Amino acid sequence: MKNTLFDLSDSVAVVIGGTGALGGAMASALGEAGARVAVAGRNKERGQARRDEITKAGGEAEFFPVDASSRESLHALRQAITEKFGNPTTLVNAAGGNDPRVTVTADHAFENITAEDWNENFNLNLVGGVLLPCQEFGPAMCAAGRGSIINIASVSAHLPLSRVVAYSAAKAAVLNLSSFLSREWARQGVRVNTITPGFFPAEQNKRLLFNEDGTPTERGRSILNHTPMGRLGKADELAGATVFLASDAASSFITGTDIRVDGGFLSQTI
């Protein structure tokens, strides 16, 4: 008997930031579950590679270029996806990242962070990362009476980590905005939830976590020691939470919820 609980064959999924390691893994998971997947981002080469991976596995996908900081670009994206696949039913906002200019180090104190750099980080992680995509896709989903929006938070949104102060603050705002939208759009049939990843190896944090010889840095060891499972996450370990929240059948009464995929990081104290 076919399992329809996680069958997304009637879904059109948009993954903004689908050109990245984690967003790409989420796009692949949605495609494997049967959704038609729009892989959206700035890097054409990586986006097309992810599209090819999904289609070779038997899924249906296309790459769409987008600048998530531009409402005009997002509007064009939604129109292009609708023409190609139909009305989007799932939106994953996976774009974002930290910037060395707003990272506190021994050589760069908190008081030396400029307002311009701080605002740019918020624009990346909150405004372009969540606000503008939700403003573009959310009302259309409400009009259709169906939608699942999955925003990506961070363990640093719950417990601000050392160094990444602006990133932590922006991701905390993502949690708050997601909770607000879950209330606003619930009666229109649109669910808004977040996924909080723990530590996953990616290009942007590789040097922070590992030495050139592959051994953990001091910060990497600290993170591993603070993670009860004693290891970093694997990108495909986000698949279950992603498909679960995208599925109307599996999570129809779930909104305003944050699912932690962190190996127990936020449960650790001493």
C-alpha atoms as a PDB file:
ATOM      1  CA  MET A   1       0.000   0.000   0.000  1.00  0.00           C
ATOM      2  CA  LYS A   2       1.344   3.415  -0.944  1.00  0.00           C
ATOM      3  CA  ASN A   3       2.229   5.641   2.006  1.00  0.00           C
ATOM      4  CA  THR A   4       0.391   8.903   1.349  1.00  0.00           C
ATOM      5  CA  LEU A   5       1.384  10.547   4.622  1.00  0.00           C
ATOM      6  CA  PHE A   6       4.594  11.908   3.110  1.00  0.00           C
ATOM      7  CA  ASP A   7       3.551  11.941  -0.548  1.00  0.00           C
ATOM      8  CA  LEU A   8       4.201  15.401  -2.025  1.00  0.00           C
ATOM      9  CA  SER A   9       3.276  14.572  -5.612  1.00  0.00           C
ATOM     10  CA  ASP A  10       0.618  17.293  -5.617  1.00  0.00           C
ATOM     11  CA  SER A  11       3.050  19.905  -4.293  1.00  0.00           C
ATOM     12  CA  VAL A  12       5.184  22.630  -5.844  1.00  0.00           C
ATOM     13  CA  ALA A  13       8.134  23.393  -3.570  1.00  0.00           C
ATOM     14  CA  VAL A  14      10.313  26.495  -3.758  1.00  0.00           C
ATOM     15  CA  VAL A  15      13.680  26.349  -2.013  1.00  0.00           C
ATOM     16  CA  ILE A  16      15.334  29.763  -1.870  1.00  0.00           C
ATOM     17  CA  GLY A  17      18.945  29.054  -1.051  1.00  0.00           C
ATOM     18  CA  GLY A  18      18.629  25.673  -2.730  1.00  0.00           C
ATOM     19  CA  THR A  19      22.086  26.232  -4.205  1.00  0.00           C
ATOM     20  CA  GLY A  20      23.676  25.804  -0.767  1.00  0.00           C
ATOM     21  CA  ALA A  21      24.595  22.586   1.009  1.00  0.00           C
ATOM     22  CA  LEU A  22      21.689  22.472   3.453  1.00  0.00           C
ATOM     23  CA  GLY A  23      19.107  24.096   1.181  1.00  0.00           C
ATOM     24  CA  GLY A  24      20.157  21.776  -1.616  1.00  0.00           C
ATOM     25  CA  ALA A  25      19.714  18.703   0.568  1.00  0.00           C
ATOM     26  CA  MET A  26      16.246  19.931   1.499  1.00  0.00           C
ATOM     27  CA  ALA A  27      15.406  20.447  -2.182  1.00  0.00           C
ATOM     28  CA  SER A  28      16.510  16.887  -2.951  1.00  0.00           C
ATOM     29  CA  ALA A  29      14.367  15.520  -0.107  1.00  0.00           C
ATOM     30  CA  LEU A  30      11.297  17.342  -1.407  1.00  0.00           C
ATOM     31  CA  GLY A  31      11.947  16.055  -4.925  1.00  0.00           C
ATOM     32  CA  GLU A  32      12.351  12.492  -3.676  1.00  0.00           C
ATOM     33  CA  ALA A  33       8.971  12.805  -1.939  1.00  0.00           C
ATOM     34  CA  GLY A  34       7.373  13.724  -5.263  1.00  0.00           C
ATOM     35  CA  ALA A  35       7.226  17.518  -5.214  1.00  0.00           C
ATOM     36  CA  ARG A  36       8.022  19.569  -8.275  1.00  0.00           C
ATOM     37  CA  VAL A  37      11.005  21.544  -7.024  1.00  0.00           C
ATOM     38  CA  ALA A  38      12.140  25.060  -7.860  1.00  0.00           C
ATOM     39  CA  VAL A  39      15.785  25.359  -6.841  1.00  0.00           C
ATOM     40  CA  ALA A  40      16.293  29.103  -6.423  1.00  0.00           C
ATOM     41  CA  GLY A  41      19.473  31.025  -5.733  1.00  0.00           C
ATOM     42  CA  ARG A  42      22.275  33.081  -7.191  1.00  0.00           C
ATOM     43  CA  ASN A  43      24.778  30.373  -8.132  1.00  0.00           C
ATOM     44  CA  LYS A  44      23.688  29.002 -11.492  1.00  0.00           C
ATOM     45  CA  GLU A  45      26.279  26.224 -11.602  1.00  0.00           C
ATOM     46  CA  ARG A  46      25.337  24.782  -8.211  1.00  0.00           C
ATOM     47  CA  GLY A  47      21.636  25.296  -8.877  1.00  0.00           C
ATOM     48  CA  GLN A  48      21.743  23.398 -12.136  1.00  0.00           C
ATOM     49  CA  ALA A  49      23.800  20.636 -10.522  1.00  0.00           C
ATOM     50  CA  ARG A  50      21.149  20.230  -7.837  1.00  0.00           C
ATOM     51  CA  ARG A  51      18.422  20.220 -10.482  1.00  0.00           C
ATOM     52  CA  ASP A  52      20.268  17.505 -12.389  1.00  0.00           C
ATOM     53  CA  GLU A  53      20.647  15.433  -9.235  1.00  0.00           C
ATOM     54  CA  ILE A  54      16.916  15.600  -8.542  1.00  0.00           C
ATOM     55  CA  THR A  55      15.900  14.774 -12.101  1.00  0.00           C
ATOM     56  CA  LYS A  56      18.367  11.879 -12.360  1.00  0.00           C
ATOM     57  CA  ALA A  57      16.744  10.412  -9.260  1.00  0.00           C
ATOM     58  CA  GLY A  58      13.379  10.508 -11.024  1.00  0.00           C
ATOM     59  CA  GLY A  59      12.119  13.831  -9.691  1.00  0.00           C
ATOM     60  CA  GLU A  60      11.038  16.999 -11.431  1.00  0.00           C
ATOM     61  CA  ALA A  61      13.025  20.170 -10.827  1.00  0.00           C
ATOM     62  CA  GLU A  62      14.262  23.378 -12.389  1.00  0.00           C
ATOM     63  CA  PHE A  63      16.771  26.040 -11.400  1.00  0.00           C
ATOM     64  CA  PHE A  64      15.580  29.635 -11.143  1.00  0.00           C
ATOM     65  CA  PRO A  65      17.951  32.559 -10.519  1.00  0.00           C
ATOM     66  CA  VAL A  66      16.853  34.979  -7.810  1.00  0.00           C
ATOM     67  CA  ASP A  67      18.118  37.830  -5.687  1.00  0.00           C
ATOM     68  CA  ALA A  68      16.196  37.338  -2.439  1.00  0.00           C
ATOM     69  CA  SER A  69      17.010  40.893  -1.334  1.00  0.00           C
ATOM     70  CA  SER A  70      14.910  42.249  -4.212  1.00  0.00           C
ATOM     71  CA  ARG A  71      11.109  42.142  -4.111  1.00  0.00           C
ATOM     72  CA  GLU A  72      11.070  42.566  -7.888  1.00  0.00           C
ATOM     73  CA  SER A  73      13.320  39.541  -8.352  1.00  0.00           C
ATOM     74  CA  LEU A  74      11.147  37.491  -6.010  1.00  0.00           C
ATOM     75  CA  HIS A  75       8.002  38.531  -7.874  1.00  0.00           C
ATOM     76  CA  ALA A  76       9.575  37.435 -11.156  1.00  0.00           C
ATOM     77  CA  LEU A  77      10.576  34.159  -9.484  1.00  0.00           C
ATOM     78  CA  ARG A  78       7.040  33.410  -8.323  1.00  0.00           C
ATOM     79  CA  GLN A  79       5.629  34.151 -11.764  1.00  0.00           C
ATOM     80  CA  ALA A  80       8.216  31.944 -13.481  1.00  0.00           C
ATOM     81  CA  ILE A  81       7.586  29.040 -11.093  1.00  0.00           C
ATOM     82  CA  THR A  82       3.820  29.344 -11.475  1.00  0.00           C
ATOM     83  CA  GLU A  83       4.136  29.248 -15.258  1.00  0.00           C
ATOM     84  CA  LYS A  84       6.454  26.220 -15.101  1.00  0.00           C
ATOM     85  CA  PHE A  85       4.948  24.117 -12.303  1.00  0.00           C
ATOM     86  CA  GLY A  86       1.750  25.784 -11.061  1.00  0.00           C
ATOM     87  CA  ASN A  87       1.037  27.583  -7.785  1.00  0.00           C
ATOM     88  CA  PRO A  88       3.765  27.094  -5.149  1.00  0.00           C
ATOM     89  CA  THR A  89       2.511  25.180  -2.114  1.00  0.00           C
ATOM     90  CA  THR A  90       5.744  24.961  -0.100  1.00  0.00           C
ATOM     91  CA  LEU A  91       8.328  27.678   0.494  1.00  0.00           C
ATOM     92  CA  VAL A  92      11.651  26.912   2.160  1.00  0.00           C
ATOM     93  CA  ASN A  93      13.693  29.977   3.091  1.00  0.00           C
ATOM     94  CA  ALA A  94      17.221  28.589   3.382  1.00  0.00           C
ATOM     95  CA  ALA A  95      19.280  31.586   2.256  1.00  0.00           C
ATOM     96  CA  GLY A  96      21.544  33.312   4.772  1.00  0.00           C
ATOM     97  CA  GLY A  97      24.914  33.203   6.448  1.00  0.00           C
ATOM     98  CA  ASN A  98      27.373  35.015   8.691  1.00  0.00           C
ATOM     99  CA  ASP A  99      29.802  37.745   7.661  1.00  0.00           C
ATOM    100  CA  PRO A 100      33.313  38.228   9.125  1.00  0.00           C
ATOM    101  CA  ARG A 101      32.625  41.974   9.365  1.00  0.00           C
ATOM    102  CA  VAL A 102      30.032  41.339  12.100  1.00  0.00           C
ATOM    103  CA  THR A 103      31.958  38.537  13.828  1.00  0.00           C
ATOM    104  CA  VAL A 104      33.480  39.370  17.210  1.00  0.00           C
ATOM    105  CA  THR A 105      37.117  38.281  17.510  1.00  0.00           C
ATOM    106  CA  ALA A 106      40.188  39.265  19.501  1.00  0.00           C
ATOM    107  CA  ASP A 107      41.017  41.734  16.734  1.00  0.00           C
ATOM    108  CA  HIS A 108      37.467  42.944  16.086  1.00  0.00           C
ATOM    109  CA  ALA A 109      35.529  43.976  19.174  1.00  0.00           C
ATOM    110  CA  PHE A 110      31.753  44.215  19.371  1.00  0.00           C
ATOM    111  CA  GLU A 111      31.898  48.015  19.617  1.00  0.00           C
ATOM    112  CA  ASN A 112      33.722  48.170  16.285  1.00  0.00           C
ATOM    113  CA  ILE A 113      30.871  46.608  14.310  1.00  0.00           C
ATOM    114  CA  THR A 114      29.365  49.314  12.154  1.00  0.00           C
ATOM    115  CA  ALA A 115      25.648  49.895  11.834  1.00  0.00           C
ATOM    116  CA  GLU A 116      26.000  49.461   8.078  1.00  0.00           C
ATOM    117  CA  ASP A 117      27.559  45.995   8.399  1.00  0.00           C
ATOM    118  CA  TRP A 118      25.040  45.015  11.093  1.00  0.00           C
ATOM    119  CA  ASN A 119      22.128  46.069   8.875  1.00  0.00           C
ATOM    120  CA  GLU A 120      23.590  44.230   5.903  1.00  0.00           C
ATOM    121  CA  ASN A 121      23.696  41.028   7.951  1.00  0.00           C
ATOM    122  CA  PHE A 122      20.075  41.521   9.007  1.00  0.00           C
ATOM    123  CA  ASN A 123      19.134  42.157   5.383  1.00  0.00           C
ATOM    124  CA  LEU A 124      20.743  38.854   4.397  1.00  0.00           C
ATOM    125  CA  ASN A 125      19.305  36.675   7.160  1.00  0.00           C
ATOM    126  CA  LEU A 126      16.008  38.346   8.028  1.00  0.00           C
ATOM    127  CA  VAL A 127      14.852  40.745   5.318  1.00  0.00           C
ATOM    128  CA  GLY A 128      15.995  38.882   2.201  1.00  0.00           C
ATOM    129  CA  GLY A 129      16.183  35.578   4.045  1.00  0.00           C
ATOM    130  CA  VAL A 130      12.585  35.521   5.299  1.00  0.00           C
ATOM    131  CA  LEU A 131      10.617  38.779   5.217  1.00  0.00           C
ATOM    132  CA  LEU A 132      10.572  39.529   1.487  1.00  0.00           C
ATOM    133  CA  PRO A 133      10.026  35.915   0.321  1.00  0.00           C
ATOM    134  CA  CYS A 134       7.142  35.549   2.785  1.00  0.00           C
ATOM    135  CA  GLN A 135       5.649  38.828   1.605  1.00  0.00           C
ATOM    136  CA  GLU A 136       5.805  37.634  -2.000  1.00  0.00           C
ATOM    137  CA  PHE A 137       4.694  34.018  -1.635  1.00  0.00           C
ATOM    138  CA  GLY A 138       2.562  34.112   1.526  1.00  0.00           C
ATOM    139  CA  PRO A 139      -0.413  36.156   0.253  1.00  0.00           C
ATOM    140  CA  ALA A 140      -0.655  34.016  -2.897  1.00  0.00           C
ATOM    141  CA  MET A 141      -0.731  30.880  -0.736  1.00  0.00           C
ATOM    142  CA  CYS A 142      -3.420  32.472   1.452  1.00  0.00           C
ATOM    143  CA  ALA A 143      -5.485  33.253  -1.635  1.00  0.00           C
ATOM    144  CA  ALA A 144      -5.178  29.611  -2.722  1.00  0.00           C
ATOM    145  CA  GLY A 145      -6.043  28.396   0.790  1.00  0.00           C
ATOM    146  CA  ARG A 146      -2.977  26.183   1.073  1.00  0.00           C
ATOM    147  CA  GLY A 147       0.677  26.541   1.918  1.00  0.00           C
ATOM    148  CA  SER A 148       3.578  25.490   4.099  1.00  0.00           C
ATOM    149  CA  ILE A 149       6.386  27.939   4.800  1.00  0.00           C
ATOM    150  CA  ILE A 150       9.549  26.565   6.391  1.00  0.00           C
ATOM    151  CA  ASN A 151      12.044  29.123   7.662  1.00  0.00           C
ATOM    152  CA  ILE A 152      15.538  28.178   8.775  1.00  0.00           C
ATOM    153  CA  ALA A 153      16.600  29.372  12.222  1.00  0.00           C
ATOM    154  CA  SER A 154      19.741  28.412  14.130  1.00  0.00           C
ATOM    155  CA  VAL A 155      20.752  27.100  17.538  1.00  0.00           C
ATOM    156  CA  SER A 156      22.288  30.560  18.025  1.00  0.00           C
ATOM    157  CA  ALA A 157      18.777  32.025  17.839  1.00  0.00           C
ATOM    158  CA  HIS A 158      17.927  30.250  21.098  1.00  0.00           C
ATOM    159  CA  LEU A 159      21.278  30.620  22.884  1.00  0.00           C
ATOM    160  CA  PRO A 160      23.462  33.386  21.382  1.00  0.00           C
ATOM    161  CA  LEU A 161      26.852  31.933  20.595  1.00  0.00           C
ATOM    162  CA  SER A 162      30.142  33.730  21.051  1.00  0.00           C
ATOM    163  CA  ARG A 163      31.441  35.702  18.073  1.00  0.00           C
ATOM    164  CA  VAL A 164      28.373  35.530  15.811  1.00  0.00           C
ATOM    165  CA  VAL A 165      26.353  38.237  17.529  1.00  0.00           C
ATOM    166  CA  ALA A 166      24.612  39.746  14.484  1.00  0.00           C
ATOM    167  CA  TYR A 167      23.806  36.344  13.001  1.00  0.00           C
ATOM    168  CA  SER A 168      22.360  35.182  16.335  1.00  0.00           C
ATOM    169  CA  ALA A 169      20.201  38.281  16.654  1.00  0.00           C
ATOM    170  CA  ALA A 170      18.932  37.982  13.081  1.00  0.00           C
ATOM    171  CA  LYS A 171      18.045  34.312  13.506  1.00  0.00           C
ATOM    172  CA  ALA A 172      16.239  35.087  16.767  1.00  0.00           C
ATOM    173  CA  ALA A 173      14.187  37.570  14.764  1.00  0.00           C
ATOM    174  CA  VAL A 174      13.447  34.817  12.234  1.00  0.00           C
ATOM    175  CA  LEU A 175      11.883  32.751  15.027  1.00  0.00           C
ATOM    176  CA  ASN A 176       9.774  35.693  16.172  1.00  0.00           C
ATOM    177  CA  LEU A 177       8.618  36.667  12.679  1.00  0.00           C
ATOM    178  CA  SER A 178       7.744  33.053  11.882  1.00  0.00           C
ATOM    179  CA  SER A 179       5.635  32.821  15.025  1.00  0.00           C
ATOM    180  CA  PHE A 180       3.840  36.042  14.069  1.00  0.00           C
ATOM    181  CA  LEU A 181       3.079  34.820  10.552  1.00  0.00           C
ATOM    182  CA  SER A 182       1.862  31.456  11.805  1.00  0.00           C
ATOM    183  CA  ARG A 183      -0.838  33.286  13.732  1.00  0.00           C
ATOM    184  CA  GLU A 184      -1.695  35.715  10.932  1.00  0.00           C
ATOM    185  CA  TRP A 185      -2.128  33.129   8.188  1.00  0.00           C
ATOM    186  CA  ALA A 186      -3.431  30.089  10.050  1.00  0.00           C
ATOM    187  CA  ARG A 187      -7.082  30.601   9.076  1.00  0.00           C
ATOM    188  CA  GLN A 188      -6.104  31.049   5.435  1.00  0.00           C
ATOM    189  CA  GLY A 189      -4.693  27.522   5.357  1.00  0.00           C
ATOM    190  CA  VAL A 190      -1.025  28.540   5.439  1.00  0.00           C
ATOM    191  CA  ARG A 191       1.273  26.976   8.029  1.00  0.00           C
ATOM    192  CA  VAL A 192       4.516  28.662   9.062  1.00  0.00           C
ATOM    193  CA  ASN A 193       7.167  26.719  10.969  1.00  0.00           C
ATOM    194  CA  THR A 194      10.902  26.788  11.518  1.00  0.00           C
ATOM    195  CA  ILE A 195      13.692  24.257  11.515  1.00  0.00           C
ATOM    196  CA  THR A 196      16.641  24.886  13.820  1.00  0.00           C
ATOM    197  CA  PRO A 197      19.724  23.078  12.522  1.00  0.00           C
ATOM    198  CA  GLY A 198      22.610  22.384  14.807  1.00  0.00           C
ATOM    199  CA  PHE A 199      26.109  22.325  13.361  1.00  0.00           C
ATOM    200  CA  PHE A 200      26.487  20.950   9.858  1.00  0.00           C
ATOM    201  CA  PRO A 201      29.722  21.166   7.842  1.00  0.00           C
ATOM    202  CA  ALA A 202      29.458  23.639   4.966  1.00  0.00           C
ATOM    203  CA  GLU A 203      31.770  25.919   3.003  1.00  0.00           C
ATOM    204  CA  GLN A 204      31.050  28.940   5.191  1.00  0.00           C
ATOM    205  CA  ASN A 205      32.030  27.279   8.474  1.00  0.00           C
ATOM    206  CA  LYS A 206      34.676  24.801   7.325  1.00  0.00           C
ATOM    207  CA  ARG A 207      37.652  26.921   8.428  1.00  0.00           C
ATOM    208  CA  LEU A 208      35.940  27.705  11.712  1.00  0.00           C
ATOM    209  CA  LEU A 209      35.418  24.046  12.583  1.00  0.00           C
ATOM    210  CA  PHE A 210      38.380  22.229  11.034  1.00  0.00           C
ATOM    211  CA  ASN A 211      42.109  22.651  10.645  1.00  0.00           C
ATOM    212  CA  GLU A 212      43.721  22.082   7.253  1.00  0.00           C
ATOM    213  CA  ASP A 213      44.606  18.508   8.276  1.00  0.00           C
ATOM    214  CA  GLY A 214      40.926  17.752   8.995  1.00  0.00           C
ATOM    215  CA  THR A 215      41.184  17.750  12.775  1.00  0.00           C
ATOM    216  CA  PRO A 216      38.715  19.911  14.739  1.00  0.00           C
ATOM    217  CA  THR A 217      39.748  23.433  15.683  1.00  0.00           C
ATOM    218  CA  GLU A 218      39.392  24.568  19.289  1.00  0.00           C
ATOM    219  CA  ARG A 219      35.934  25.912  18.455  1.00  0.00           C
ATOM    220  CA  GLY A 220      35.109  22.702  16.601  1.00  0.00           C
ATOM    221  CA  ARG A 221      36.044  20.615  19.654  1.00  0.00           C
ATOM    222  CA  SER A 222      33.949  22.865  21.864  1.00  0.00           C
ATOM    223  CA  ILE A 223      30.921  22.358  19.619  1.00  0.00           C
ATOM    224  CA  LEU A 224      31.405  18.588  19.510  1.00  0.00           C
ATOM    225  CA  ASN A 225      31.745  18.459  23.287  1.00  0.00           C
ATOM    226  CA  HIS A 226      28.545  20.450  23.650  1.00  0.00           C
ATOM    227  CA  THR A 227      26.622  18.162  21.291  1.00  0.00           C
ATOM    228  CA  PRO A 228      25.331  15.062  23.130  1.00  0.00           C
ATOM    229  CA  MET A 229      25.563  12.963  19.959  1.00  0.00           C
ATOM    230  CA  GLY A 230      29.234  13.917  19.730  1.00  0.00           C
ATOM    231  CA  ARG A 231      29.278  14.672  16.016  1.00  0.00           C
ATOM    232  CA  LEU A 232      28.221  17.186  13.382  1.00  0.00           C
ATOM    233  CA  GLY A 233      25.041  16.727  11.418  1.00  0.00           C
ATOM    234  CA  LYS A 234      24.805  15.411   7.873  1.00  0.00           C
ATOM    235  CA  ALA A 235      22.891  17.502   5.356  1.00  0.00           C
ATOM    236  CA  ASP A 236      20.471  14.699   4.502  1.00  0.00           C
ATOM    237  CA  GLU A 237      19.462  14.509   8.174  1.00  0.00           C
ATOM    238  CA  LEU A 238      17.307  17.581   7.522  1.00  0.00           C
ATOM    239  CA  ALA A 239      15.197  15.571   5.070  1.00  0.00           C
ATOM    240  CA  GLY A 240      12.732  14.148   7.565  1.00  0.00           C
ATOM    241  CA  ALA A 241      11.815  17.446   9.197  1.00  0.00           C
ATOM    242  CA  THR A 242      11.543  19.158   5.817  1.00  0.00           C
ATOM    243  CA  VAL A 243       9.215  16.607   4.229  1.00  0.00           C
ATOM    244  CA  PHE A 244       7.196  16.327   7.436  1.00  0.00           C
ATOM    245  CA  LEU A 245       6.496  20.071   7.563  1.00  0.00           C
ATOM    246  CA  ALA A 246       5.841  20.253   3.816  1.00  0.00           C
ATOM    247  CA  SER A 247       3.265  17.466   3.951  1.00  0.00           C
ATOM    248  CA  ASP A 248      -0.306  18.607   4.532  1.00  0.00           C
ATOM    249  CA  ALA A 249      -1.219  15.066   5.524  1.00  0.00           C
ATOM    250  CA  ALA A 250       1.561  14.678   8.085  1.00  0.00           C
ATOM    251  CA  SER A 251       1.536  18.135   9.697  1.00  0.00           C
ATOM    252  CA  SER A 252      -1.868  19.666   8.911  1.00  0.00           C
ATOM    253  CA  PHE A 253      -2.389  20.901  12.507  1.00  0.00           C
ATOM    254  CA  ILE A 254       1.173  22.091  13.079  1.00  0.00           C
ATOM    255  CA  THR A 255       2.038  25.749  12.785  1.00  0.00           C
ATOM    256  CA  GLY A 256       4.193  28.121  14.805  1.00  0.00           C
ATOM    257  CA  THR A 257       6.469  25.236  15.745  1.00  0.00           C
ATOM    258  CA  ASP A 258      10.264  25.011  15.739  1.00  0.00           C
ATOM    259  CA  ILE A 259      11.813  21.622  15.051  1.00  0.00           C
ATOM    260  CA  ARG A 260      15.366  21.251  16.331  1.00  0.00           C
ATOM    261  CA  VAL A 261      17.708  19.068  14.293  1.00  0.00           C
ATOM    262  CA  ASP A 262      20.767  19.645  16.429  1.00  0.00           C
ATOM    263  CA  GLY A 263      21.993  16.363  17.896  1.00  0.00           C
ATOM    264  CA  GLY A 264      20.845  17.591  21.303  1.00  0.00           C
ATOM    265  CA  PHE A 265      22.955  20.776  21.256  1.00  0.00           C
ATOM    266  CA  LEU A 266      20.253  22.932  22.875  1.00  0.00           C
ATOM    267  CA  SER A 267      19.594  20.301  25.552  1.00  0.00           C
ATOM    268  CA  GLN A 268      23.164  20.359  26.841  1.00  0.00           C
ATOM    269  CA  THR A 269      24.074  22.403  29.887  1.00  0.00           C
ATOM    270  CA  ILE A 270      27.021  21.125  31.930  1.00  0.00           C
END
